[in-house]
Amino acid sequence: MSLRQYEYALAVAEEGSVTAAAERLRVAQPSVSQQIRGLERELGVKLFARTPTGLVPTTVGRAFLREAEVAVSASRRARATARAGAEDLVGELVVAVQMGFGTRQLPRALGELRRRHPRLEITVFEEPSAAELDRLCRRGALDFALMAACDRTPSDAHRLGDEELVVVLGEGHPRLESERVELSELKDEPWVRFDRDSTLDAVLVEVLKDHGPMPATAARVSQAATAVRWAAEGLGVTLLPASAVPPGHGHVVRPVSPALSRPVIAVLRQDAGPAERTLLALLRKEKWSGSAPDAVPLSQRF
């Protein structure tokens, strides 16, 4: 068995067909078919079953592919580490980030990382569920995670700073006349919330539980930018990190009173390489507290 066979099998599983896998790998279709048949012969099992919607892994195939992905990821990291001595990082860096945290800082850091090392490929998983995050970790496929600190924060996590939490109100909302908004003043407002298993919704529940019963839910969304737009249109109010507010909405954003923030941490895989350490150094240089990007002080609004 070879790593090439592993890569071909993983591509077929992801694409659902030999033809699509060959196109992605930029090789001839017969070559992929031959490698898969040879792999199945050597293993003595069928890795894929043909269905009306395409090729799908068999039960034993799924088990094999999990281990194959670990081997391929390890091989890529080994190549990247070996070549790092020449100051030319290559391979793939896999990053997981919780929605709303590091929205401005992470793109800037990744952009600088790519400018320094243009041959480095970056894959970002946005807002993975707890199950997905656990699967990535068990497969050894995750290199770097950016998230809010919690009671299960690893002891070797790197604290980067704090994200200030702000509320987004509808255009013309009377509370926009205030410099800060007390959450108790919003107890009768409907809220634009996030997916039930998301970090941001957990933060919202934690914050609001000290201000009486949970208010009405107007809608649930899966993207921070959507929550901001819907809140600005008057569907309800929402709460999220200041950095997650897209440009153009600072005038409907207010910090809360008393001030609320969440520590942001970075977690690196145990045998972190130069790509992960470089990204960590770049994120440490970023500003991690402050208001929305185009927020206007109260003194300048009237």
C-alpha atoms as a PDB file:
ATOM      1  CA  MET A   1       0.000   0.000   0.000  1.00  0.00           C
ATOM      2  CA  SER A   2       1.133   3.531  -0.704  1.00  0.00           C
ATOM      3  CA  LEU A   3       0.160   7.044   0.347  1.00  0.00           C
ATOM      4  CA  ARG A   4      -0.888   7.693  -3.238  1.00  0.00           C
ATOM      5  CA  GLN A   5      -3.471   4.914  -2.973  1.00  0.00           C
ATOM      6  CA  TYR A   6      -4.710   6.437   0.298  1.00  0.00           C
ATOM      7  CA  GLU A   7      -5.045   9.858  -1.349  1.00  0.00           C
ATOM      8  CA  TYR A   8      -6.930   8.373  -4.313  1.00  0.00           C
ATOM      9  CA  ALA A   9      -9.333   6.504  -2.001  1.00  0.00           C
ATOM     10  CA  LEU A  10      -9.987   9.639   0.065  1.00  0.00           C
ATOM     11  CA  ALA A  11     -10.672  11.646  -3.097  1.00  0.00           C
ATOM     12  CA  VAL A  12     -13.158   9.046  -4.370  1.00  0.00           C
ATOM     13  CA  ALA A  13     -14.934   9.060  -0.989  1.00  0.00           C
ATOM     14  CA  GLU A  14     -15.197  12.858  -0.979  1.00  0.00           C
ATOM     15  CA  GLU A  15     -16.243  13.232  -4.614  1.00  0.00           C
ATOM     16  CA  GLY A  16     -18.495  10.182  -4.870  1.00  0.00           C
ATOM     17  CA  SER A  17     -17.099   9.055  -8.225  1.00  0.00           C
ATOM     18  CA  VAL A  18     -13.849   7.992  -9.844  1.00  0.00           C
ATOM     19  CA  THR A  19     -14.301  10.538 -12.634  1.00  0.00           C
ATOM     20  CA  ALA A  20     -14.669  13.505 -10.269  1.00  0.00           C
ATOM     21  CA  ALA A  21     -11.788  12.257  -8.121  1.00  0.00           C
ATOM     22  CA  ALA A  22      -9.536  11.988 -11.183  1.00  0.00           C
ATOM     23  CA  GLU A  23     -10.433  15.525 -12.243  1.00  0.00           C
ATOM     24  CA  ARG A  24      -9.615  16.858  -8.789  1.00  0.00           C
ATOM     25  CA  LEU A  25      -6.348  14.957  -8.634  1.00  0.00           C
ATOM     26  CA  ARG A  26      -5.548  15.914 -12.249  1.00  0.00           C
ATOM     27  CA  VAL A  27      -4.798  12.350 -13.272  1.00  0.00           C
ATOM     28  CA  ALA A  28      -6.355   9.958 -15.775  1.00  0.00           C
ATOM     29  CA  GLN A  29      -9.496   8.135 -14.662  1.00  0.00           C
ATOM     30  CA  PRO A  30      -8.062   4.642 -15.414  1.00  0.00           C
ATOM     31  CA  SER A  31      -5.167   5.398 -13.076  1.00  0.00           C
ATOM     32  CA  VAL A  32      -7.531   6.076 -10.174  1.00  0.00           C
ATOM     33  CA  SER A  33      -9.603   2.978 -10.924  1.00  0.00           C
ATOM     34  CA  GLN A  34      -6.476   0.838 -11.090  1.00  0.00           C
ATOM     35  CA  GLN A  35      -5.139   2.141  -7.794  1.00  0.00           C
ATOM     36  CA  ILE A  36      -8.460   1.556  -6.011  1.00  0.00           C
ATOM     37  CA  ARG A  37      -8.763  -1.988  -7.389  1.00  0.00           C
ATOM     38  CA  GLY A  38      -5.178  -2.728  -6.365  1.00  0.00           C
ATOM     39  CA  LEU A  39      -5.824  -1.400  -2.873  1.00  0.00           C
ATOM     40  CA  GLU A  40      -8.968  -3.506  -2.470  1.00  0.00           C
ATOM     41  CA  ARG A  41      -7.100  -6.562  -3.741  1.00  0.00           C
ATOM     42  CA  GLU A  42      -4.300  -6.053  -1.251  1.00  0.00           C
ATOM     43  CA  LEU A  43      -6.699  -5.498   1.640  1.00  0.00           C
ATOM     44  CA  GLY A  44      -9.057  -8.286   0.595  1.00  0.00           C
ATOM     45  CA  VAL A  45     -12.147  -6.112   1.138  1.00  0.00           C
ATOM     46  CA  LYS A  46     -14.472  -3.835  -0.841  1.00  0.00           C
ATOM     47  CA  LEU A  47     -13.931  -0.211   0.118  1.00  0.00           C
ATOM     48  CA  PHE A  48     -16.770   1.246  -1.953  1.00  0.00           C
ATOM     49  CA  ALA A  49     -20.289   0.268  -2.925  1.00  0.00           C
ATOM     50  CA  ARG A  50     -22.004   1.564  -6.061  1.00  0.00           C
ATOM     51  CA  THR A  51     -25.347   3.303  -5.443  1.00  0.00           C
ATOM     52  CA  PRO A  52     -27.705   5.351  -7.664  1.00  0.00           C
ATOM     53  CA  THR A  53     -26.099   8.526  -6.304  1.00  0.00           C
ATOM     54  CA  GLY A  54     -22.503   7.367  -6.781  1.00  0.00           C
ATOM     55  CA  LEU A  55     -19.789   5.491  -4.908  1.00  0.00           C
ATOM     56  CA  VAL A  56     -20.090   5.395  -1.123  1.00  0.00           C
ATOM     57  CA  PRO A  57     -17.690   3.788   1.374  1.00  0.00           C
ATOM     58  CA  THR A  58     -18.676   0.457   2.839  1.00  0.00           C
ATOM     59  CA  THR A  59     -18.621  -0.041   6.611  1.00  0.00           C
ATOM     60  CA  VAL A  60     -15.079  -1.399   6.495  1.00  0.00           C
ATOM     61  CA  GLY A  61     -14.239   1.277   3.944  1.00  0.00           C
ATOM     62  CA  ARG A  62     -15.222   4.043   6.365  1.00  0.00           C
ATOM     63  CA  ALA A  63     -13.009   2.532   9.056  1.00  0.00           C
ATOM     64  CA  PHE A  64     -10.097   2.270   6.617  1.00  0.00           C
ATOM     65  CA  LEU A  65     -10.555   5.832   5.333  1.00  0.00           C
ATOM     66  CA  ARG A  66     -10.413   7.277   8.851  1.00  0.00           C
ATOM     67  CA  GLU A  67      -6.958   5.755   9.330  1.00  0.00           C
ATOM     68  CA  ALA A  68      -5.903   6.645   5.789  1.00  0.00           C
ATOM     69  CA  GLU A  69      -6.707  10.313   6.431  1.00  0.00           C
ATOM     70  CA  VAL A  70      -4.558  10.273   9.569  1.00  0.00           C
ATOM     71  CA  ALA A  71      -1.664   8.797   7.571  1.00  0.00           C
ATOM     72  CA  VAL A  72      -2.024  11.314   4.728  1.00  0.00           C
ATOM     73  CA  SER A  73      -2.237  14.254   7.152  1.00  0.00           C
ATOM     74  CA  ALA A  74       0.837  13.027   9.012  1.00  0.00           C
ATOM     75  CA  SER A  75       2.716  12.670   5.735  1.00  0.00           C
ATOM     76  CA  ARG A  76       1.836  16.230   4.696  1.00  0.00           C
ATOM     77  CA  ARG A  77       2.971  17.612   8.032  1.00  0.00           C
ATOM     78  CA  ALA A  78       6.207  15.639   7.855  1.00  0.00           C
ATOM     79  CA  ARG A  79       6.957  17.072   4.408  1.00  0.00           C
ATOM     80  CA  ALA A  80       6.122  20.581   5.560  1.00  0.00           C
ATOM     81  CA  THR A  81       8.363  20.262   8.610  1.00  0.00           C
ATOM     82  CA  ALA A  82      11.247  18.865   6.559  1.00  0.00           C
ATOM     83  CA  ARG A  83      11.039  21.743   4.091  1.00  0.00           C
ATOM     84  CA  ALA A  84      10.571  24.429   6.741  1.00  0.00           C
ATOM     85  CA  GLY A  85      14.306  24.644   7.239  1.00  0.00           C
ATOM     86  CA  ALA A  86      14.473  26.366   3.885  1.00  0.00           C
ATOM     87  CA  GLU A  87      12.014  29.023   5.163  1.00  0.00           C
ATOM     88  CA  ASP A  88       9.456  27.834   2.605  1.00  0.00           C
ATOM     89  CA  LEU A  89       6.465  26.345   4.401  1.00  0.00           C
ATOM     90  CA  VAL A  90       4.457  23.970   2.238  1.00  0.00           C
ATOM     91  CA  GLY A  91       1.689  21.455   2.830  1.00  0.00           C
ATOM     92  CA  GLU A  92      -1.686  22.039   4.453  1.00  0.00           C
ATOM     93  CA  LEU A  93      -2.600  23.916   7.631  1.00  0.00           C
ATOM     94  CA  VAL A  94      -6.026  22.948   9.007  1.00  0.00           C
ATOM     95  CA  VAL A  95      -7.669  25.555  11.252  1.00  0.00           C
ATOM     96  CA  ALA A  96     -10.951  25.420  13.179  1.00  0.00           C
ATOM     97  CA  VAL A  97     -12.552  28.651  14.392  1.00  0.00           C
ATOM     98  CA  GLN A  98     -15.649  29.294  16.448  1.00  0.00           C
ATOM     99  CA  MET A  99     -18.130  31.623  14.792  1.00  0.00           C
ATOM    100  CA  GLY A 100     -17.743  35.268  15.744  1.00  0.00           C
ATOM    101  CA  PHE A 101     -14.350  34.997  17.415  1.00  0.00           C
ATOM    102  CA  GLY A 102     -11.350  36.390  15.566  1.00  0.00           C
ATOM    103  CA  THR A 103     -13.515  37.480  12.626  1.00  0.00           C
ATOM    104  CA  ARG A 104     -11.207  40.391  11.788  1.00  0.00           C
ATOM    105  CA  GLN A 105      -7.967  39.125  13.302  1.00  0.00           C
ATOM    106  CA  LEU A 106      -7.773  35.646  11.756  1.00  0.00           C
ATOM    107  CA  PRO A 107      -8.107  36.721   8.082  1.00  0.00           C
ATOM    108  CA  ARG A 108      -5.369  39.321   8.543  1.00  0.00           C
ATOM    109  CA  ALA A 109      -3.055  36.804  10.190  1.00  0.00           C
ATOM    110  CA  LEU A 110      -3.747  34.145   7.550  1.00  0.00           C
ATOM    111  CA  GLY A 111      -3.212  36.702   4.795  1.00  0.00           C
ATOM    112  CA  GLU A 112       0.207  37.599   6.188  1.00  0.00           C
ATOM    113  CA  LEU A 113       1.047  33.909   6.602  1.00  0.00           C
ATOM    114  CA  ARG A 114       0.224  33.249   2.950  1.00  0.00           C
ATOM    115  CA  ARG A 115       2.224  36.260   1.779  1.00  0.00           C
ATOM    116  CA  ARG A 116       5.234  34.897   3.599  1.00  0.00           C
ATOM    117  CA  HIS A 117       4.661  31.308   2.481  1.00  0.00           C
ATOM    118  CA  PRO A 118       2.623  31.236  -0.761  1.00  0.00           C
ATOM    119  CA  ARG A 119       2.989  27.461  -1.154  1.00  0.00           C
ATOM    120  CA  LEU A 120       1.172  26.798   2.120  1.00  0.00           C
ATOM    121  CA  GLU A 121      -2.437  25.616   1.672  1.00  0.00           C
ATOM    122  CA  ILE A 122      -4.895  26.663   4.378  1.00  0.00           C
ATOM    123  CA  THR A 123      -8.185  24.912   5.188  1.00  0.00           C
ATOM    124  CA  VAL A 124     -10.557  26.585   7.662  1.00  0.00           C
ATOM    125  CA  PHE A 125     -13.499  24.876   9.371  1.00  0.00           C
ATOM    126  CA  GLU A 126     -15.912  27.590  10.535  1.00  0.00           C
ATOM    127  CA  GLU A 127     -18.015  26.847  13.605  1.00  0.00           C
ATOM    128  CA  PRO A 128     -17.525  23.071  13.739  1.00  0.00           C
ATOM    129  CA  SER A 129     -19.988  21.315  16.023  1.00  0.00           C
ATOM    130  CA  ALA A 130     -18.657  19.591  19.131  1.00  0.00           C
ATOM    131  CA  ALA A 131     -18.924  16.253  17.321  1.00  0.00           C
ATOM    132  CA  GLU A 132     -17.124  17.575  14.227  1.00  0.00           C
ATOM    133  CA  LEU A 133     -14.367  19.149  16.340  1.00  0.00           C
ATOM    134  CA  ASP A 134     -13.923  15.887  18.226  1.00  0.00           C
ATOM    135  CA  ARG A 135     -13.791  13.955  14.927  1.00  0.00           C
ATOM    136  CA  LEU A 136     -11.117  16.278  13.525  1.00  0.00           C
ATOM    137  CA  CYS A 137      -9.039  15.918  16.683  1.00  0.00           C
ATOM    138  CA  ARG A 138      -9.339  12.122  16.809  1.00  0.00           C
ATOM    139  CA  ARG A 139      -8.327  11.871  13.154  1.00  0.00           C
ATOM    140  CA  GLY A 140      -5.282  14.018  13.836  1.00  0.00           C
ATOM    141  CA  ALA A 141      -6.475  16.313  11.045  1.00  0.00           C
ATOM    142  CA  LEU A 142      -6.646  19.549  13.077  1.00  0.00           C
ATOM    143  CA  ASP A 143      -3.576  21.734  13.456  1.00  0.00           C
ATOM    144  CA  PHE A 144      -4.881  24.930  15.040  1.00  0.00           C
ATOM    145  CA  ALA A 145      -8.094  25.955  16.825  1.00  0.00           C
ATOM    146  CA  LEU A 146      -9.256  29.494  17.632  1.00  0.00           C
ATOM    147  CA  MET A 147     -12.059  29.705  20.170  1.00  0.00           C
ATOM    148  CA  ALA A 148     -13.500  31.308  23.265  1.00  0.00           C
ATOM    149  CA  ALA A 149     -12.151  30.059  26.565  1.00  0.00           C
ATOM    150  CA  CYS A 150     -14.463  27.758  28.519  1.00  0.00           C
ATOM    151  CA  ASP A 151     -14.402  25.456  31.534  1.00  0.00           C
ATOM    152  CA  ARG A 152     -12.806  22.746  29.364  1.00  0.00           C
ATOM    153  CA  THR A 153      -9.980  24.935  28.059  1.00  0.00           C
ATOM    154  CA  PRO A 154      -6.768  22.855  27.759  1.00  0.00           C
ATOM    155  CA  SER A 155      -3.978  23.770  30.147  1.00  0.00           C
ATOM    156  CA  ASP A 156      -1.598  24.395  27.240  1.00  0.00           C
ATOM    157  CA  ALA A 157      -3.922  26.854  25.463  1.00  0.00           C
ATOM    158  CA  HIS A 158      -2.520  30.239  24.451  1.00  0.00           C
ATOM    159  CA  ARG A 159      -4.568  33.253  25.527  1.00  0.00           C
ATOM    160  CA  LEU A 160      -4.618  35.911  22.809  1.00  0.00           C
ATOM    161  CA  GLY A 161      -6.823  38.570  24.404  1.00  0.00           C
ATOM    162  CA  ASP A 162     -10.478  39.375  24.959  1.00  0.00           C
ATOM    163  CA  GLU A 163     -13.392  39.913  22.589  1.00  0.00           C
ATOM    164  CA  GLU A 164     -15.846  42.584  23.728  1.00  0.00           C
ATOM    165  CA  LEU A 165     -19.511  41.604  23.419  1.00  0.00           C
ATOM    166  CA  VAL A 166     -21.911  44.128  21.899  1.00  0.00           C
ATOM    167  CA  VAL A 167     -25.616  44.306  21.085  1.00  0.00           C
ATOM    168  CA  VAL A 168     -27.028  45.093  17.662  1.00  0.00           C
ATOM    169  CA  LEU A 169     -30.303  47.030  17.598  1.00  0.00           C
ATOM    170  CA  GLY A 170     -32.729  47.902  14.848  1.00  0.00           C
ATOM    171  CA  GLU A 171     -32.538  51.177  12.958  1.00  0.00           C
ATOM    172  CA  GLY A 172     -34.238  53.879  15.052  1.00  0.00           C
ATOM    173  CA  HIS A 173     -34.276  51.801  18.257  1.00  0.00           C
ATOM    174  CA  PRO A 174     -34.651  54.167  21.262  1.00  0.00           C
ATOM    175  CA  ARG A 175     -31.683  52.539  23.067  1.00  0.00           C
ATOM    176  CA  LEU A 176     -29.366  53.775  20.311  1.00  0.00           C
ATOM    177  CA  GLU A 177     -29.434  57.149  22.052  1.00  0.00           C
ATOM    178  CA  SER A 178     -27.402  55.618  24.893  1.00  0.00           C
ATOM    179  CA  GLU A 179     -23.639  55.148  24.928  1.00  0.00           C
ATOM    180  CA  ARG A 180     -24.114  51.716  26.518  1.00  0.00           C
ATOM    181  CA  VAL A 181     -27.125  49.455  26.853  1.00  0.00           C
ATOM    182  CA  GLU A 182     -28.069  47.526  29.971  1.00  0.00           C
ATOM    183  CA  LEU A 183     -29.224  44.019  29.127  1.00  0.00           C
ATOM    184  CA  SER A 184     -32.078  44.338  31.622  1.00  0.00           C
ATOM    185  CA  GLU A 185     -33.484  47.053  29.355  1.00  0.00           C
ATOM    186  CA  LEU A 186     -33.836  44.481  26.568  1.00  0.00           C
ATOM    187  CA  LYS A 187     -35.726  41.850  28.574  1.00  0.00           C
ATOM    188  CA  ASP A 188     -38.922  42.389  26.566  1.00  0.00           C
ATOM    189  CA  GLU A 189     -37.193  42.367  23.171  1.00  0.00           C
ATOM    190  CA  PRO A 190     -37.262  39.381  20.776  1.00  0.00           C
ATOM    191  CA  TRP A 191     -33.775  38.034  20.020  1.00  0.00           C
ATOM    192  CA  VAL A 192     -32.033  36.879  16.874  1.00  0.00           C
ATOM    193  CA  ARG A 193     -30.182  33.812  18.128  1.00  0.00           C
ATOM    194  CA  PHE A 194     -27.731  31.288  16.726  1.00  0.00           C
ATOM    195  CA  ASP A 195     -27.771  27.526  16.123  1.00  0.00           C
ATOM    196  CA  ARG A 196     -28.477  25.671  19.363  1.00  0.00           C
ATOM    197  CA  ASP A 197     -25.116  23.884  19.429  1.00  0.00           C
ATOM    198  CA  SER A 198     -23.089  27.011  18.596  1.00  0.00           C
ATOM    199  CA  THR A 199     -20.723  28.780  20.965  1.00  0.00           C
ATOM    200  CA  LEU A 200     -22.402  32.150  20.408  1.00  0.00           C
ATOM    201  CA  ASP A 201     -25.798  30.837  21.466  1.00  0.00           C
ATOM    202  CA  ALA A 202     -24.236  29.316  24.584  1.00  0.00           C
ATOM    203  CA  VAL A 203     -22.676  32.702  25.372  1.00  0.00           C
ATOM    204  CA  LEU A 204     -26.042  34.438  24.876  1.00  0.00           C
ATOM    205  CA  VAL A 205     -27.828  31.999  27.188  1.00  0.00           C
ATOM    206  CA  GLU A 206     -25.134  32.387  29.836  1.00  0.00           C
ATOM    207  CA  VAL A 207     -25.276  36.187  29.688  1.00  0.00           C
ATOM    208  CA  LEU A 208     -29.062  36.495  29.715  1.00  0.00           C
ATOM    209  CA  LYS A 209     -29.756  33.965  32.477  1.00  0.00           C
ATOM    210  CA  ASP A 210     -28.803  36.574  35.084  1.00  0.00           C
ATOM    211  CA  HIS A 211     -31.382  39.014  33.732  1.00  0.00           C
ATOM    212  CA  GLY A 212     -34.605  37.105  34.270  1.00  0.00           C
ATOM    213  CA  PRO A 213     -36.296  34.429  32.120  1.00  0.00           C
ATOM    214  CA  MET A 214     -35.031  33.815  28.614  1.00  0.00           C
ATOM    215  CA  PRO A 215     -36.654  36.293  26.220  1.00  0.00           C
ATOM    216  CA  ALA A 216     -38.554  35.379  23.079  1.00  0.00           C
ATOM    217  CA  THR A 217     -36.625  34.029  20.111  1.00  0.00           C
ATOM    218  CA  ALA A 218     -37.438  35.837  16.863  1.00  0.00           C
ATOM    219  CA  ALA A 219     -35.182  33.728  14.648  1.00  0.00           C
ATOM    220  CA  ARG A 220     -32.142  31.463  14.633  1.00  0.00           C
ATOM    221  CA  VAL A 221     -29.305  31.887  12.143  1.00  0.00           C
ATOM    222  CA  SER A 222     -26.025  30.132  11.420  1.00  0.00           C
ATOM    223  CA  GLN A 223     -23.898  33.158  10.467  1.00  0.00           C
ATOM    224  CA  ALA A 224     -22.907  36.170  12.568  1.00  0.00           C
ATOM    225  CA  ALA A 225     -23.240  38.569   9.621  1.00  0.00           C
ATOM    226  CA  THR A 226     -26.813  37.381   9.042  1.00  0.00           C
ATOM    227  CA  ALA A 227     -27.699  38.000  12.686  1.00  0.00           C
ATOM    228  CA  VAL A 228     -26.355  41.554  12.424  1.00  0.00           C
ATOM    229  CA  ARG A 229     -28.284  42.315   9.230  1.00  0.00           C
ATOM    230  CA  TRP A 230     -31.538  40.894  10.581  1.00  0.00           C
ATOM    231  CA  ALA A 231     -31.179  42.747  13.879  1.00  0.00           C
ATOM    232  CA  ALA A 232     -30.465  45.995  12.023  1.00  0.00           C
ATOM    233  CA  GLU A 233     -33.699  45.495  10.061  1.00  0.00           C
ATOM    234  CA  GLY A 234     -35.655  45.289  13.306  1.00  0.00           C
ATOM    235  CA  LEU A 235     -36.353  41.545  13.444  1.00  0.00           C
ATOM    236  CA  GLY A 236     -34.917  41.412  16.954  1.00  0.00           C
ATOM    237  CA  VAL A 237     -31.778  42.294  18.909  1.00  0.00           C
ATOM    238  CA  THR A 238     -28.659  40.168  19.006  1.00  0.00           C
ATOM    239  CA  LEU A 239     -25.427  39.835  20.999  1.00  0.00           C
ATOM    240  CA  LEU A 240     -22.037  38.894  19.549  1.00  0.00           C
ATOM    241  CA  PRO A 241     -18.317  39.797  19.617  1.00  0.00           C
ATOM    242  CA  ALA A 242     -17.508  43.285  18.331  1.00  0.00           C
ATOM    243  CA  SER A 243     -15.112  41.935  15.706  1.00  0.00           C
ATOM    244  CA  ALA A 244     -17.950  39.921  14.123  1.00  0.00           C
ATOM    245  CA  VAL A 245     -19.900  43.054  13.169  1.00  0.00           C
ATOM    246  CA  PRO A 246     -19.467  43.618   9.415  1.00  0.00           C
ATOM    247  CA  PRO A 247     -18.542  47.104   8.153  1.00  0.00           C
ATOM    248  CA  GLY A 248     -21.472  49.440   7.653  1.00  0.00           C
ATOM    249  CA  HIS A 249     -23.358  48.461  10.810  1.00  0.00           C
ATOM    250  CA  GLY A 250     -21.402  50.226  13.528  1.00  0.00           C
ATOM    251  CA  HIS A 251     -24.148  52.841  13.967  1.00  0.00           C
ATOM    252  CA  VAL A 252     -26.598  50.207  15.275  1.00  0.00           C
ATOM    253  CA  VAL A 253     -24.093  48.608  17.647  1.00  0.00           C
ATOM    254  CA  ARG A 254     -23.704  49.427  21.345  1.00  0.00           C
ATOM    255  CA  PRO A 255     -21.511  47.959  24.069  1.00  0.00           C
ATOM    256  CA  VAL A 256     -23.386  46.590  27.049  1.00  0.00           C
ATOM    257  CA  SER A 257     -23.348  47.719  30.647  1.00  0.00           C
ATOM    258  CA  PRO A 258     -21.714  46.351  32.639  1.00  0.00           C
ATOM    259  CA  ALA A 259     -19.082  45.601  30.004  1.00  0.00           C
ATOM    260  CA  LEU A 260     -18.908  41.977  28.866  1.00  0.00           C
ATOM    261  CA  SER A 261     -16.071  40.149  27.128  1.00  0.00           C
ATOM    262  CA  ARG A 262     -14.829  36.630  26.483  1.00  0.00           C
ATOM    263  CA  PRO A 263     -11.192  35.456  26.507  1.00  0.00           C
ATOM    264  CA  VAL A 264     -10.023  34.143  23.121  1.00  0.00           C
ATOM    265  CA  ILE A 265      -7.544  31.273  23.040  1.00  0.00           C
ATOM    266  CA  ALA A 266      -5.531  29.354  20.479  1.00  0.00           C
ATOM    267  CA  VAL A 267      -4.958  25.615  20.816  1.00  0.00           C
ATOM    268  CA  LEU A 268      -2.200  23.986  18.780  1.00  0.00           C
ATOM    269  CA  ARG A 269      -1.780  20.289  18.078  1.00  0.00           C
ATOM    270  CA  GLN A 270       0.685  18.573  20.399  1.00  0.00           C
ATOM    271  CA  ASP A 271       3.540  18.322  17.887  1.00  0.00           C
ATOM    272  CA  ALA A 272       2.971  21.784  16.423  1.00  0.00           C
ATOM    273  CA  GLY A 273       5.162  22.691  13.463  1.00  0.00           C
ATOM    274  CA  PRO A 274       6.471  26.011  12.135  1.00  0.00           C
ATOM    275  CA  ALA A 275       3.219  26.889  10.329  1.00  0.00           C
ATOM    276  CA  GLU A 276       1.175  26.687  13.541  1.00  0.00           C
ATOM    277  CA  ARG A 277       3.784  28.584  15.559  1.00  0.00           C
ATOM    278  CA  THR A 278       4.005  31.312  12.913  1.00  0.00           C
ATOM    279  CA  LEU A 279       0.209  31.736  12.863  1.00  0.00           C
ATOM    280  CA  LEU A 280       0.176  31.959  16.660  1.00  0.00           C
ATOM    281  CA  ALA A 281       2.854  34.683  16.578  1.00  0.00           C
ATOM    282  CA  LEU A 282       0.872  36.657  13.980  1.00  0.00           C
ATOM    283  CA  LEU A 283      -2.340  36.423  16.016  1.00  0.00           C
ATOM    284  CA  ARG A 284      -0.525  37.660  19.108  1.00  0.00           C
ATOM    285  CA  LYS A 285       0.258  40.877  17.218  1.00  0.00           C
ATOM    286  CA  GLU A 286      -3.415  41.533  16.498  1.00  0.00           C
ATOM    287  CA  LYS A 287      -5.657  43.835  18.555  1.00  0.00           C
ATOM    288  CA  TRP A 288      -8.153  41.756  20.526  1.00  0.00           C
ATOM    289  CA  SER A 289     -10.426  44.313  22.153  1.00  0.00           C
ATOM    290  CA  GLY A 290     -12.412  47.271  20.955  1.00  0.00           C
ATOM    291  CA  SER A 291     -15.697  48.315  19.405  1.00  0.00           C
ATOM    292  CA  ALA A 292     -17.232  47.524  16.036  1.00  0.00           C
ATOM    293  CA  PRO A 293     -15.091  48.610  13.047  1.00  0.00           C
ATOM    294  CA  ASP A 294     -17.107  51.726  12.153  1.00  0.00           C
ATOM    295  CA  ALA A 295     -18.740  52.553  15.486  1.00  0.00           C
ATOM    296  CA  VAL A 296     -19.308  56.275  16.052  1.00  0.00           C
ATOM    297  CA  PRO A 297     -18.934  57.811  19.558  1.00  0.00           C
ATOM    298  CA  LEU A 298     -22.155  59.205  21.016  1.00  0.00           C
ATOM    299  CA  SER A 299     -20.725  62.737  21.063  1.00  0.00           C
ATOM    300  CA  GLN A 300     -20.406  62.621  17.252  1.00  0.00           C
ATOM    301  CA  ARG A 301     -23.882  61.241  16.498  1.00  0.00           C
ATOM    302  CA  PHE A 302     -25.952  64.337  17.173  1.00  0.00           C
END
